[in-house]
Amino acid sequence: MFPQLPGVAIATVAPALSPLQGGGGFLSLAILFFVLALVAALVGARGIAGLSMEIAKWLILIFLVLAVISLLL
């Protein structure tokens, strides 16, 4: 981005993120699997709907556990 001059070091500082400022991967994936389960249930694919709901349930549980741990630390 900037031209590097000889003998001059450019320090890049990454912003410090708190644990709850991540990408929200677990929660967004859980919502995605929940919506997939609803669509599959409407179409009649009960096996896919059940599996998607189980995955969404586990992702919500993991999200809640990690959120509580990050609030306590």
C-alpha atoms as a PDB file:
ATOM      1  CA  MET A   1       0.000   0.000   0.000  1.00  0.00           C
ATOM      2  CA  PHE A   2       2.714   2.478   1.018  1.00  0.00           C
ATOM      3  CA  PRO A   3       6.141   2.490  -0.572  1.00  0.00           C
ATOM      4  CA  GLN A   4       8.771   1.078   1.782  1.00  0.00           C
ATOM      5  CA  LEU A   5      11.674   3.424   2.334  1.00  0.00           C
ATOM      6  CA  PRO A   6      15.067   1.909   3.111  1.00  0.00           C
ATOM      7  CA  GLY A   7      15.768   1.948   6.841  1.00  0.00           C
ATOM      8  CA  VAL A   8      12.176   2.882   7.747  1.00  0.00           C
ATOM      9  CA  ALA A   9       9.953   0.259   9.300  1.00  0.00           C
ATOM     10  CA  ILE A  10       6.215   0.636   9.056  1.00  0.00           C
ATOM     11  CA  ALA A  11       4.381  -0.942  11.963  1.00  0.00           C
ATOM     12  CA  THR A  12       0.925  -2.291  11.365  1.00  0.00           C
ATOM     13  CA  VAL A  13      -1.229  -2.625  14.438  1.00  0.00           C
ATOM     14  CA  ALA A  14      -4.200  -4.958  14.291  1.00  0.00           C
ATOM     15  CA  PRO A  15      -7.185  -3.772  16.299  1.00  0.00           C
ATOM     16  CA  ALA A  16      -7.798  -5.777  19.438  1.00  0.00           C
ATOM     17  CA  LEU A  17     -11.093  -7.633  19.244  1.00  0.00           C
ATOM     18  CA  SER A  18     -13.034  -8.688  22.275  1.00  0.00           C
ATOM     19  CA  PRO A  19     -14.171 -12.326  22.263  1.00  0.00           C
ATOM     20  CA  LEU A  20     -17.764 -11.416  21.330  1.00  0.00           C
ATOM     21  CA  GLN A  21     -16.773  -9.331  18.305  1.00  0.00           C
ATOM     22  CA  GLY A  22     -15.994 -12.270  16.086  1.00  0.00           C
ATOM     23  CA  GLY A  23     -17.729 -13.083  12.857  1.00  0.00           C
ATOM     24  CA  GLY A  24     -20.627 -14.732  14.641  1.00  0.00           C
ATOM     25  CA  GLY A  25     -19.982 -18.003  12.858  1.00  0.00           C
ATOM     26  CA  PHE A  26     -21.857 -20.339  15.189  1.00  0.00           C
ATOM     27  CA  LEU A  27     -24.953 -18.196  15.424  1.00  0.00           C
ATOM     28  CA  SER A  28     -25.198 -17.470  11.710  1.00  0.00           C
ATOM     29  CA  LEU A  29     -24.665 -21.154  10.872  1.00  0.00           C
ATOM     30  CA  ALA A  30     -27.318 -22.151  13.397  1.00  0.00           C
ATOM     31  CA  ILE A  31     -29.811 -19.754  11.818  1.00  0.00           C
ATOM     32  CA  LEU A  32     -28.902 -21.105   8.379  1.00  0.00           C
ATOM     33  CA  PHE A  33     -29.507 -24.716   9.459  1.00  0.00           C
ATOM     34  CA  PHE A  34     -32.759 -23.719  11.175  1.00  0.00           C
ATOM     35  CA  VAL A  35     -34.045 -22.085   7.990  1.00  0.00           C
ATOM     36  CA  LEU A  36     -32.906 -25.138   6.011  1.00  0.00           C
ATOM     37  CA  ALA A  37     -34.826 -27.352   8.431  1.00  0.00           C
ATOM     38  CA  LEU A  38     -37.972 -25.250   8.017  1.00  0.00           C
ATOM     39  CA  VAL A  39     -37.751 -25.351   4.222  1.00  0.00           C
ATOM     40  CA  ALA A  40     -37.087 -29.093   4.232  1.00  0.00           C
ATOM     41  CA  ALA A  41     -40.051 -29.659   6.556  1.00  0.00           C
ATOM     42  CA  LEU A  42     -42.319 -27.646   4.261  1.00  0.00           C
ATOM     43  CA  VAL A  43     -41.169 -29.644   1.240  1.00  0.00           C
ATOM     44  CA  GLY A  44     -41.630 -32.924   3.106  1.00  0.00           C
ATOM     45  CA  ALA A  45     -38.033 -34.056   3.511  1.00  0.00           C
ATOM     46  CA  ARG A  46     -38.347 -35.129   7.138  1.00  0.00           C
ATOM     47  CA  GLY A  47     -34.887 -36.710   7.359  1.00  0.00           C
ATOM     48  CA  ILE A  48     -33.075 -33.604   6.185  1.00  0.00           C
ATOM     49  CA  ALA A  49     -35.286 -31.414   8.372  1.00  0.00           C
ATOM     50  CA  GLY A  50     -34.512 -33.464  11.468  1.00  0.00           C
ATOM     51  CA  LEU A  51     -30.796 -33.560  10.788  1.00  0.00           C
ATOM     52  CA  SER A  52     -30.668 -29.829  10.103  1.00  0.00           C
ATOM     53  CA  MET A  53     -32.561 -29.130  13.309  1.00  0.00           C
ATOM     54  CA  GLU A  54     -30.140 -31.274  15.319  1.00  0.00           C
ATOM     55  CA  ILE A  55     -27.160 -29.429  13.822  1.00  0.00           C
ATOM     56  CA  ALA A  56     -28.792 -26.066  14.553  1.00  0.00           C
ATOM     57  CA  LYS A  57     -29.491 -27.145  18.131  1.00  0.00           C
ATOM     58  CA  TRP A  58     -25.860 -28.150  18.721  1.00  0.00           C
ATOM     59  CA  LEU A  59     -24.532 -24.949  17.153  1.00  0.00           C
ATOM     60  CA  ILE A  60     -26.792 -22.840  19.398  1.00  0.00           C
ATOM     61  CA  LEU A  61     -25.600 -24.813  22.420  1.00  0.00           C
ATOM     62  CA  ILE A  62     -21.938 -24.310  21.470  1.00  0.00           C
ATOM     63  CA  PHE A  63     -22.582 -20.603  20.867  1.00  0.00           C
ATOM     64  CA  LEU A  64     -24.207 -20.189  24.289  1.00  0.00           C
ATOM     65  CA  VAL A  65     -21.412 -22.040  26.081  1.00  0.00           C
ATOM     66  CA  LEU A  66     -18.729 -19.949  24.363  1.00  0.00           C
ATOM     67  CA  ALA A  67     -20.673 -16.727  25.034  1.00  0.00           C
ATOM     68  CA  VAL A  68     -20.918 -17.515  28.763  1.00  0.00           C
ATOM     69  CA  ILE A  69     -17.233 -18.452  28.925  1.00  0.00           C
ATOM     70  CA  SER A  70     -16.200 -15.248  27.154  1.00  0.00           C
ATOM     71  CA  LEU A  71     -18.367 -13.160  29.493  1.00  0.00           C
ATOM     72  CA  LEU A  72     -16.805 -14.796  32.550  1.00  0.00           C
ATOM     73  CA  LEU A  73     -13.204 -14.341  31.374  1.00  0.00           C
END
